[in-house]
Amino acid sequence: MAQRSSLPGVFQGNAHCIVTGRTHPLYQCSACHHQTSLTAGSLLQNTKLPLTIWFLAIYLVSQAKTGLSSLALRRQLGVSYPTAWMLHHKLMHAMAQREQCHQLRGLIQLDDAYLGGERSGGKVGRGSDNKVPFVAAVSLSSDGKPLFVKLSRVKGFSSEAIKDWAVKNLAPGCKVLSDGLACFGAVTEAKCTHTVNVVGASKPRDLPHFTWVNTVLGNLKTSLAGAYHALNYVKYADAYLAAFCYRFNRCLDLRTLVVKLMADTALCGPHPLLAIRAIEASF
């Protein structure tokens, strides 16, 4: 039986009834008649899809070594393309939220990179409107093995942008190794030490100091090229970079990856389609 709490008008208790006749049943409090569902407050809030579709999508997205396009997800789930696209972007949002919680520590390999290419008739080089700048960082163990990867979009390769990135993503005391790009010196503003190894015209295979960050960038390029035929890097770079990092950082334990993504999906707050579309409107 429901009991009144110390707050006026608020009841505490377990007495409830179940409202059926819906895709997902509602639980109604017998005292105040408030209705809620098992998915309330999670990424799945207000979904009209059966939870089995969500669980299958979580499995497919988490286990795809090189990523999974929305078109491939549509074929596997048997849903429409807009539904598969929405599911895909919601799951990538949950991945991105989880990746933001982690700061890199210890020895860090750092490099600059771009997504996308030049448009015909547009700007060329680093100033191309279709190129998205991002920072690639890999933390290493004492024996030189990769521990954690971060691929973070930045406004540009300026000292101010790198300072903001470092304060957010690097724990104080990190030992950062980068090439000769001057803006990377701003990591010292995050109380990190900085060592420069000028690479010049050297090829990645000739740079043992940057082996892992170059390996990650190579894997990213292969993953995106293999999974997606067309990809709007300008609008959705954050989501695709975060999804790649999420899988890479957990690739040594694939058996628990499904459970981890399911938990992160439940812990992630609602992210409605309007919020996803708002990303498009901002560009």
Protein backbone atom coordinates (compact mmCIF):
# COMPACT_ATOMS: atom_id res chain seq x y z
CA MET A 1 0.00 0.00 0.00
CA ALA A 2 1.26 3.50 -0.83
CA GLN A 3 2.29 5.68 2.08
CA ARG A 4 2.63 9.45 2.32
CA SER A 5 6.22 10.68 2.45
CA SER A 6 7.61 13.61 4.40
CA LEU A 7 6.97 15.87 1.39
CA PRO A 8 3.40 17.20 1.03
CA GLY A 9 1.41 15.47 -1.70
CA VAL A 10 4.12 12.84 -2.38
CA PHE A 11 3.47 9.14 -1.83
CA GLN A 12 5.89 6.24 -1.43
CA GLY A 13 5.03 2.63 -2.09
CA ASN A 14 5.06 -0.29 -4.50
CA ALA A 15 1.33 -0.63 -5.24
CA HIS A 16 0.77 -0.32 -8.97
CA CYS A 17 -1.08 -1.72 -11.95
CA ILE A 18 0.06 -2.49 -15.49
CA VAL A 19 -1.52 -0.76 -18.48
CA THR A 20 -1.41 -3.15 -21.45
CA GLY A 21 -2.47 -2.85 -25.07
CA ARG A 22 0.68 -0.97 -26.08
CA THR A 23 4.03 -1.92 -27.64
CA HIS A 24 5.57 -1.46 -24.20
CA PRO A 25 3.40 -1.78 -21.07
CA LEU A 26 3.04 1.17 -18.72
CA TYR A 27 3.28 0.95 -14.95
CA GLN A 28 0.74 3.12 -13.12
CA CYS A 29 1.10 4.08 -9.47
CA SER A 30 -2.03 3.18 -7.50
CA ALA A 31 -1.61 6.24 -5.27
CA CYS A 32 -0.91 9.13 -7.64
CA HIS A 33 -1.75 7.43 -10.97
CA HIS A 34 1.56 8.50 -12.50
CA GLN A 35 2.47 6.34 -15.48
CA THR A 36 5.96 5.29 -16.51
CA SER A 37 7.67 2.57 -18.54
CA LEU A 38 10.83 0.50 -18.36
CA THR A 39 12.44 2.71 -20.99
CA ALA A 40 11.61 6.07 -19.37
CA GLY A 41 14.62 8.32 -18.93
CA SER A 42 16.82 6.21 -21.22
CA LEU A 43 17.81 6.48 -24.86
CA LEU A 44 14.86 4.21 -25.65
CA GLN A 45 12.28 6.57 -24.16
CA ASN A 46 9.04 6.82 -26.20
CA THR A 47 10.25 4.22 -28.72
CA LYS A 48 7.56 2.45 -30.72
CA LEU A 49 9.89 -0.36 -31.74
CA PRO A 50 9.97 -3.73 -29.95
CA LEU A 51 12.93 -4.00 -27.61
CA THR A 52 14.10 -7.06 -29.55
CA ILE A 53 14.81 -4.76 -32.51
CA TRP A 54 16.88 -2.50 -30.27
CA PHE A 55 18.80 -5.42 -28.80
CA LEU A 56 19.58 -6.81 -32.25
CA ALA A 57 20.71 -3.35 -33.41
CA ILE A 58 22.99 -3.05 -30.36
CA TYR A 59 24.51 -6.44 -31.15
CA LEU A 60 25.08 -5.65 -34.83
CA VAL A 61 26.55 -2.18 -34.25
CA SER A 62 28.85 -3.34 -31.46
CA GLN A 63 30.18 -6.40 -33.28
CA ALA A 64 30.84 -4.78 -36.67
CA LYS A 65 34.63 -4.58 -36.73
CA THR A 66 34.77 -1.90 -39.43
CA GLY A 67 31.52 -0.18 -38.56
CA LEU A 68 28.04 -0.65 -39.96
CA SER A 69 26.14 1.63 -42.31
CA SER A 70 22.48 2.48 -41.78
CA LEU A 71 21.68 0.72 -45.07
CA ALA A 72 23.29 -2.51 -43.87
CA LEU A 73 21.50 -2.15 -40.54
CA ARG A 74 18.16 -1.75 -42.36
CA ARG A 75 18.71 -5.02 -44.20
CA GLN A 76 19.57 -6.90 -41.01
CA LEU A 77 16.70 -5.49 -38.92
CA GLY A 78 13.98 -5.54 -41.57
CA VAL A 79 12.94 -1.94 -40.88
CA SER A 80 12.73 1.15 -43.07
CA TYR A 81 15.87 3.14 -43.85
CA PRO A 82 14.78 6.21 -41.78
CA THR A 83 14.20 3.92 -38.78
CA ALA A 84 17.58 2.23 -39.20
CA TRP A 85 19.26 5.63 -39.61
CA MET A 86 17.63 6.89 -36.39
CA LEU A 87 18.62 3.74 -34.45
CA HIS A 88 22.18 3.99 -35.72
CA HIS A 89 22.59 7.64 -34.73
CA LYS A 90 21.02 7.12 -31.32
CA LEU A 91 23.41 4.27 -30.55
CA MET A 92 26.38 6.32 -31.75
CA HIS A 93 25.22 9.10 -29.43
CA ALA A 94 25.33 6.68 -26.50
CA MET A 95 28.85 5.67 -27.54
CA ALA A 96 29.92 9.31 -27.76
CA GLN A 97 28.49 10.09 -24.31
CA ARG A 98 30.47 7.23 -22.80
CA GLU A 99 33.72 8.18 -24.54
CA GLN A 100 33.50 11.75 -23.23
CA CYS A 101 33.79 10.49 -19.65
CA HIS A 102 37.38 9.31 -20.07
CA GLN A 103 40.61 11.31 -19.87
CA LEU A 104 43.88 10.02 -21.30
CA ARG A 105 46.77 9.39 -18.90
CA GLY A 106 50.46 8.50 -19.04
CA LEU A 107 52.37 8.57 -22.33
CA ILE A 108 50.34 10.02 -25.23
CA GLN A 109 51.03 9.93 -28.95
CA LEU A 110 49.37 12.91 -30.66
CA ASP A 111 48.74 13.73 -34.31
CA ASP A 112 46.60 15.94 -36.52
CA ALA A 113 44.30 14.56 -39.21
CA TYR A 114 41.36 15.43 -41.45
CA LEU A 115 38.16 13.72 -42.56
CA GLY A 116 36.79 14.33 -46.02
CA GLY A 117 38.32 15.68 -49.21
CA GLU A 118 38.35 18.73 -51.40
CA ARG A 119 35.29 19.77 -53.38
CA SER A 120 35.60 20.55 -57.07
CA GLY A 121 35.98 24.29 -57.46
CA GLY A 122 36.29 24.86 -53.71
CA LYS A 123 39.19 25.65 -51.43
CA VAL A 124 42.16 23.33 -51.58
CA GLY A 125 44.48 22.01 -48.89
CA ARG A 126 43.76 22.35 -45.18
CA GLY A 127 41.31 25.19 -45.79
CA SER A 128 38.82 23.05 -47.74
CA ASP A 129 35.22 23.48 -46.55
CA ASN A 130 34.69 19.72 -46.85
CA LYS A 131 37.56 18.78 -44.55
CA VAL A 132 36.95 18.23 -40.85
CA PRO A 133 40.02 18.67 -38.61
CA PHE A 134 40.39 16.30 -35.69
CA VAL A 135 43.00 15.31 -33.11
CA ALA A 136 44.12 11.69 -32.86
CA ALA A 137 45.54 10.68 -29.47
CA VAL A 138 46.61 7.27 -28.13
CA SER A 139 47.62 6.54 -24.55
CA LEU A 140 50.24 3.82 -24.11
CA SER A 141 51.12 1.39 -21.35
CA SER A 142 54.61 1.10 -19.88
CA ASP A 143 55.45 -1.60 -22.43
CA GLY A 144 54.24 0.48 -25.37
CA LYS A 145 50.82 -1.12 -25.91
CA PRO A 146 47.75 1.05 -26.68
CA LEU A 147 45.39 1.57 -23.76
CA PHE A 148 42.85 4.10 -24.97
CA VAL A 149 42.15 6.08 -28.14
CA LYS A 150 40.52 9.47 -28.57
CA LEU A 151 39.58 11.01 -31.92
CA SER A 152 38.22 14.49 -31.28
CA ARG A 153 36.94 17.05 -33.72
CA VAL A 154 38.43 20.53 -33.24
CA LYS A 155 37.64 23.93 -34.73
CA GLY A 156 41.11 24.09 -36.22
CA PHE A 157 44.73 23.52 -35.43
CA SER A 158 45.29 26.65 -33.39
CA SER A 159 46.89 26.93 -29.95
CA GLU A 160 43.56 27.96 -28.41
CA ALA A 161 41.71 24.97 -29.89
CA ILE A 162 44.39 22.50 -28.77
CA LYS A 163 44.47 24.04 -25.29
CA ASP A 164 40.69 23.58 -24.93
CA TRP A 165 40.97 20.00 -26.19
CA ALA A 166 43.85 19.15 -23.84
CA VAL A 167 42.15 20.56 -20.73
CA LYS A 168 39.09 18.44 -21.45
CA ASN A 169 40.74 15.20 -22.60
CA LEU A 170 44.15 14.93 -20.90
CA ALA A 171 44.76 14.29 -17.22
CA PRO A 172 47.41 16.55 -15.61
CA GLY A 173 50.87 15.03 -15.76
CA CYS A 174 50.55 13.36 -19.17
CA LYS A 175 53.70 13.04 -21.28
CA VAL A 176 52.68 14.07 -24.78
CA LEU A 177 54.72 13.23 -27.88
CA SER A 178 53.80 15.02 -31.12
CA ASP A 179 55.27 16.06 -34.42
CA GLY A 180 56.46 19.57 -35.23
CA LEU A 181 53.01 21.20 -35.48
CA ALA A 182 53.42 24.32 -33.36
CA CYS A 183 49.91 24.39 -31.86
CA PHE A 184 50.49 21.10 -30.01
CA GLY A 185 52.71 22.99 -27.59
CA ALA A 186 49.48 24.26 -26.01
CA VAL A 187 49.07 20.93 -24.19
CA THR A 188 51.35 22.39 -21.52
CA GLU A 189 48.40 24.63 -20.57
CA ALA A 190 46.72 21.43 -19.29
CA LYS A 191 49.71 20.76 -16.99
CA CYS A 192 51.19 18.16 -19.34
CA THR A 193 54.76 17.83 -20.57
CA HIS A 194 55.39 18.03 -24.30
CA THR A 195 58.09 16.42 -26.44
CA VAL A 196 58.47 17.19 -30.15
CA ASN A 197 59.73 14.78 -32.79
CA VAL A 198 59.85 16.59 -36.14
CA VAL A 199 58.91 14.10 -38.85
CA GLY A 200 59.42 16.21 -41.96
CA ALA A 201 58.72 14.23 -45.12
CA SER A 202 59.09 10.84 -43.42
CA LYS A 203 56.54 8.11 -44.11
CA PRO A 204 54.55 6.48 -41.26
CA ARG A 205 56.54 3.24 -41.47
CA ASP A 206 59.71 5.23 -40.80
CA LEU A 207 58.31 6.74 -37.57
CA PRO A 208 58.48 4.16 -34.75
CA HIS A 209 57.69 6.86 -32.19
CA PHE A 210 54.23 7.32 -33.74
CA THR A 211 53.47 3.70 -34.61
CA TRP A 212 50.19 3.41 -32.73
CA VAL A 213 48.63 6.74 -33.63
CA ASN A 214 49.44 6.04 -37.30
CA THR A 215 47.96 2.54 -36.94
CA VAL A 216 44.75 3.99 -35.50
CA LEU A 217 44.44 6.53 -38.32
CA GLY A 218 45.03 3.77 -40.87
CA ASN A 219 42.35 1.60 -39.27
CA LEU A 220 39.93 4.54 -39.20
CA LYS A 221 40.43 5.20 -42.91
CA THR A 222 39.90 1.51 -43.74
CA SER A 223 36.82 1.32 -41.51
CA LEU A 224 35.09 4.35 -43.02
CA ALA A 225 35.94 3.42 -46.60
CA GLY A 226 34.79 -0.17 -46.11
CA ALA A 227 31.48 0.50 -44.35
CA TYR A 228 30.16 3.69 -45.92
CA HIS A 229 29.68 4.59 -49.57
CA ALA A 230 28.64 8.16 -48.78
CA LEU A 231 29.22 9.94 -45.50
CA ASN A 232 28.62 13.55 -44.49
CA TYR A 233 31.75 14.20 -42.44
CA VAL A 234 30.95 17.85 -41.84
CA LYS A 235 27.67 17.14 -40.04
CA TYR A 236 28.29 13.83 -38.29
CA ALA A 237 32.05 13.57 -37.75
CA ASP A 238 31.67 13.52 -33.95
CA ALA A 239 29.31 10.53 -34.03
CA TYR A 240 31.36 8.39 -36.41
CA LEU A 241 34.67 9.16 -34.68
CA ALA A 242 33.18 8.29 -31.28
CA ALA A 243 31.71 5.02 -32.59
CA PHE A 244 35.10 3.98 -33.97
CA CYS A 245 36.82 4.80 -30.65
CA TYR A 246 34.16 2.96 -28.63
CA ARG A 247 34.73 -0.27 -30.56
CA PHE A 248 38.53 0.11 -30.72
CA ASN A 249 38.85 0.73 -26.97
CA ARG A 250 36.89 -2.44 -26.19
CA CYS A 251 38.01 -4.70 -29.03
CA LEU A 252 39.93 -7.05 -26.73
CA ASP A 253 36.74 -8.14 -24.98
CA LEU A 254 34.11 -8.59 -27.68
CA ARG A 255 32.04 -10.97 -25.54
CA THR A 256 31.14 -8.23 -23.09
CA LEU A 257 30.94 -5.41 -25.68
CA VAL A 258 27.24 -6.08 -26.33
CA VAL A 259 26.42 -5.91 -22.62
CA LYS A 260 28.46 -2.73 -22.19
CA LEU A 261 26.72 -0.96 -25.08
CA MET A 262 23.35 -2.12 -23.77
CA ALA A 263 24.19 -0.63 -20.36
CA ASP A 264 25.46 2.61 -21.88
CA THR A 265 22.28 2.86 -23.95
CA ALA A 266 20.16 2.49 -20.82
CA LEU A 267 22.25 5.04 -18.89
CA CYS A 268 22.23 7.57 -21.72
CA GLY A 269 19.40 10.08 -21.49
CA PRO A 270 16.78 10.62 -24.21
CA HIS A 271 18.10 11.80 -27.57
CA PRO A 272 15.07 12.39 -29.79
CA LEU A 273 15.14 12.67 -33.56
CA LEU A 274 14.76 16.45 -33.29
CA ALA A 275 18.09 16.61 -31.44
CA ILE A 276 19.76 14.58 -34.19
CA ARG A 277 18.25 16.80 -36.88
CA ALA A 278 19.41 19.87 -34.96
CA ILE A 279 22.97 18.85 -35.83
CA GLU A 280 22.06 19.16 -39.51
CA ALA A 281 20.50 22.59 -38.95
CA SER A 282 23.68 23.88 -37.29
CA PHE A 283 25.72 23.44 -40.49
